[in-house]
Amino acid sequence: MPLSYGGLLRYHEEKKSKIILKPKHIIWVTVAIVIFELLLRVLL
């Protein structure tokens, strides 16, 4: 019996990512990078 039927996977067959990123974390990292870039331009 195949694990998937018609290309569809059951929930328990899906691979789970070890790294879970919330959208809020991505926004904070992006803001931090922008601030860091601005500081580098001002100080250098």
N, C-alpha and C. Protein backbone atom coordinates (compact mmCIF):
# COMPACT_ATOMS: atom_id res chain seq x y z
N MET A 1 0.85 -1.18 0.00
CA MET A 1 0.00 0.00 0.00
C MET A 1 0.90 1.24 0.00
N PRO A 2 0.72 2.16 -0.96
CA PRO A 2 1.56 3.36 -1.02
C PRO A 2 1.26 4.32 0.13
N LEU A 3 2.28 5.11 0.48
CA LEU A 3 2.12 6.06 1.58
C LEU A 3 1.26 7.25 1.20
N SER A 4 1.28 7.63 -0.07
CA SER A 4 0.48 8.78 -0.50
C SER A 4 -0.51 8.34 -1.56
N TYR A 5 -1.62 8.99 -1.60
CA TYR A 5 -2.67 8.66 -2.56
C TYR A 5 -2.88 9.86 -3.47
N GLY A 6 -2.58 9.71 -4.76
CA GLY A 6 -2.79 10.79 -5.71
C GLY A 6 -1.96 12.02 -5.43
N GLY A 7 -0.80 11.86 -4.83
CA GLY A 7 0.06 13.00 -4.53
C GLY A 7 -0.29 13.71 -3.23
N LEU A 8 -1.35 13.27 -2.56
CA LEU A 8 -1.75 13.91 -1.31
C LEU A 8 -1.17 13.14 -0.13
N LEU A 9 -0.65 13.86 0.83
CA LEU A 9 -0.08 13.23 2.02
C LEU A 9 -1.04 13.34 3.18
N ARG A 10 -1.03 12.37 4.01
CA ARG A 10 -1.79 12.47 5.25
C ARG A 10 -1.02 13.35 6.22
N TYR A 11 -1.73 13.85 7.23
CA TYR A 11 -1.12 14.81 8.15
C TYR A 11 0.10 14.22 8.85
N HIS A 12 0.02 12.99 9.31
CA HIS A 12 1.13 12.42 10.07
C HIS A 12 2.32 12.04 9.19
N GLU A 13 2.15 12.09 7.87
CA GLU A 13 3.25 11.76 6.96
C GLU A 13 4.06 12.99 6.56
N GLU A 14 3.56 14.19 6.87
CA GLU A 14 4.26 15.41 6.50
C GLU A 14 5.52 15.56 7.35
N LYS A 15 6.56 16.11 6.72
CA LYS A 15 7.79 16.37 7.46
C LYS A 15 7.62 17.66 8.25
N LYS A 16 8.05 17.63 9.49
CA LYS A 16 7.98 18.83 10.31
C LYS A 16 9.35 19.49 10.32
N SER A 17 9.35 20.81 10.19
CA SER A 17 10.59 21.57 10.20
C SER A 17 11.11 21.67 11.63
N LYS A 18 12.43 21.59 11.78
CA LYS A 18 13.02 21.73 13.11
C LYS A 18 13.07 23.18 13.54
N ILE A 19 13.13 24.10 12.56
CA ILE A 19 13.19 25.52 12.86
C ILE A 19 11.81 26.11 12.56
N ILE A 20 11.17 26.64 13.59
CA ILE A 20 9.85 27.24 13.43
C ILE A 20 10.00 28.75 13.60
N LEU A 21 9.71 29.51 12.54
CA LEU A 21 9.81 30.96 12.59
C LEU A 21 8.42 31.56 12.50
N LYS A 22 8.10 32.41 13.44
CA LYS A 22 6.84 33.13 13.40
C LYS A 22 7.05 34.39 12.56
N PRO A 23 6.00 34.89 11.93
CA PRO A 23 6.13 36.12 11.14
C PRO A 23 6.68 37.30 11.95
N LYS A 24 6.33 37.34 13.25
CA LYS A 24 6.83 38.43 14.11
C LYS A 24 8.35 38.38 14.22
N HIS A 25 8.93 37.19 14.29
CA HIS A 25 10.39 37.07 14.37
C HIS A 25 11.05 37.56 13.09
N ILE A 26 10.47 37.24 11.95
CA ILE A 26 11.05 37.67 10.67
C ILE A 26 11.01 39.19 10.57
N ILE A 27 9.91 39.80 11.01
CA ILE A 27 9.81 41.27 10.97
C ILE A 27 10.86 41.91 11.87
N TRP A 28 11.05 41.38 13.08
CA TRP A 28 12.04 41.95 14.00
C TRP A 28 13.46 41.81 13.46
N VAL A 29 13.77 40.69 12.84
CA VAL A 29 15.11 40.51 12.27
C VAL A 29 15.32 41.49 11.12
N THR A 30 14.29 41.68 10.29
CA THR A 30 14.40 42.63 9.18
C THR A 30 14.61 44.05 9.70
N VAL A 31 13.86 44.44 10.71
CA VAL A 31 14.01 45.79 11.29
C VAL A 31 15.41 45.95 11.88
N ALA A 32 15.91 44.94 12.55
CA ALA A 32 17.25 45.01 13.14
C ALA A 32 18.32 45.17 12.06
N ILE A 33 18.17 44.46 10.95
CA ILE A 33 19.14 44.57 9.86
C ILE A 33 19.11 45.97 9.26
N VAL A 34 17.92 46.53 9.07
CA VAL A 34 17.80 47.88 8.51
C VAL A 34 18.44 48.90 9.43
N ILE A 35 18.19 48.81 10.73
CA ILE A 35 18.79 49.74 11.69
C ILE A 35 20.31 49.59 11.69
N PHE A 36 20.80 48.36 11.63
CA PHE A 36 22.24 48.12 11.59
C PHE A 36 22.86 48.75 10.35
N GLU A 37 22.20 48.59 9.20
CA GLU A 37 22.70 49.20 7.96
C GLU A 37 22.73 50.72 8.07
N LEU A 38 21.69 51.31 8.63
CA LEU A 38 21.66 52.77 8.77
C LEU A 38 22.77 53.25 9.70
N LEU A 39 23.00 52.54 10.78
CA LEU A 39 24.09 52.92 11.69
C LEU A 39 25.44 52.83 11.01
N LEU A 40 25.64 51.80 10.21
CA LEU A 40 26.91 51.68 9.50
C LEU A 40 27.12 52.83 8.52
N ARG A 41 26.06 53.24 7.83
CA ARG A 41 26.19 54.34 6.88
C ARG A 41 26.49 55.66 7.59
N VAL A 42 25.91 55.87 8.76
CA VAL A 42 26.11 57.12 9.49
C VAL A 42 27.50 57.15 10.13
N LEU A 43 27.92 56.04 10.70
CA LEU A 43 29.19 56.02 11.44
C LEU A 43 30.41 55.84 10.55
N LEU A 44 30.25 55.29 9.37
CA LEU A 44 31.41 55.05 8.50
C LEU A 44 31.45 55.99 7.33
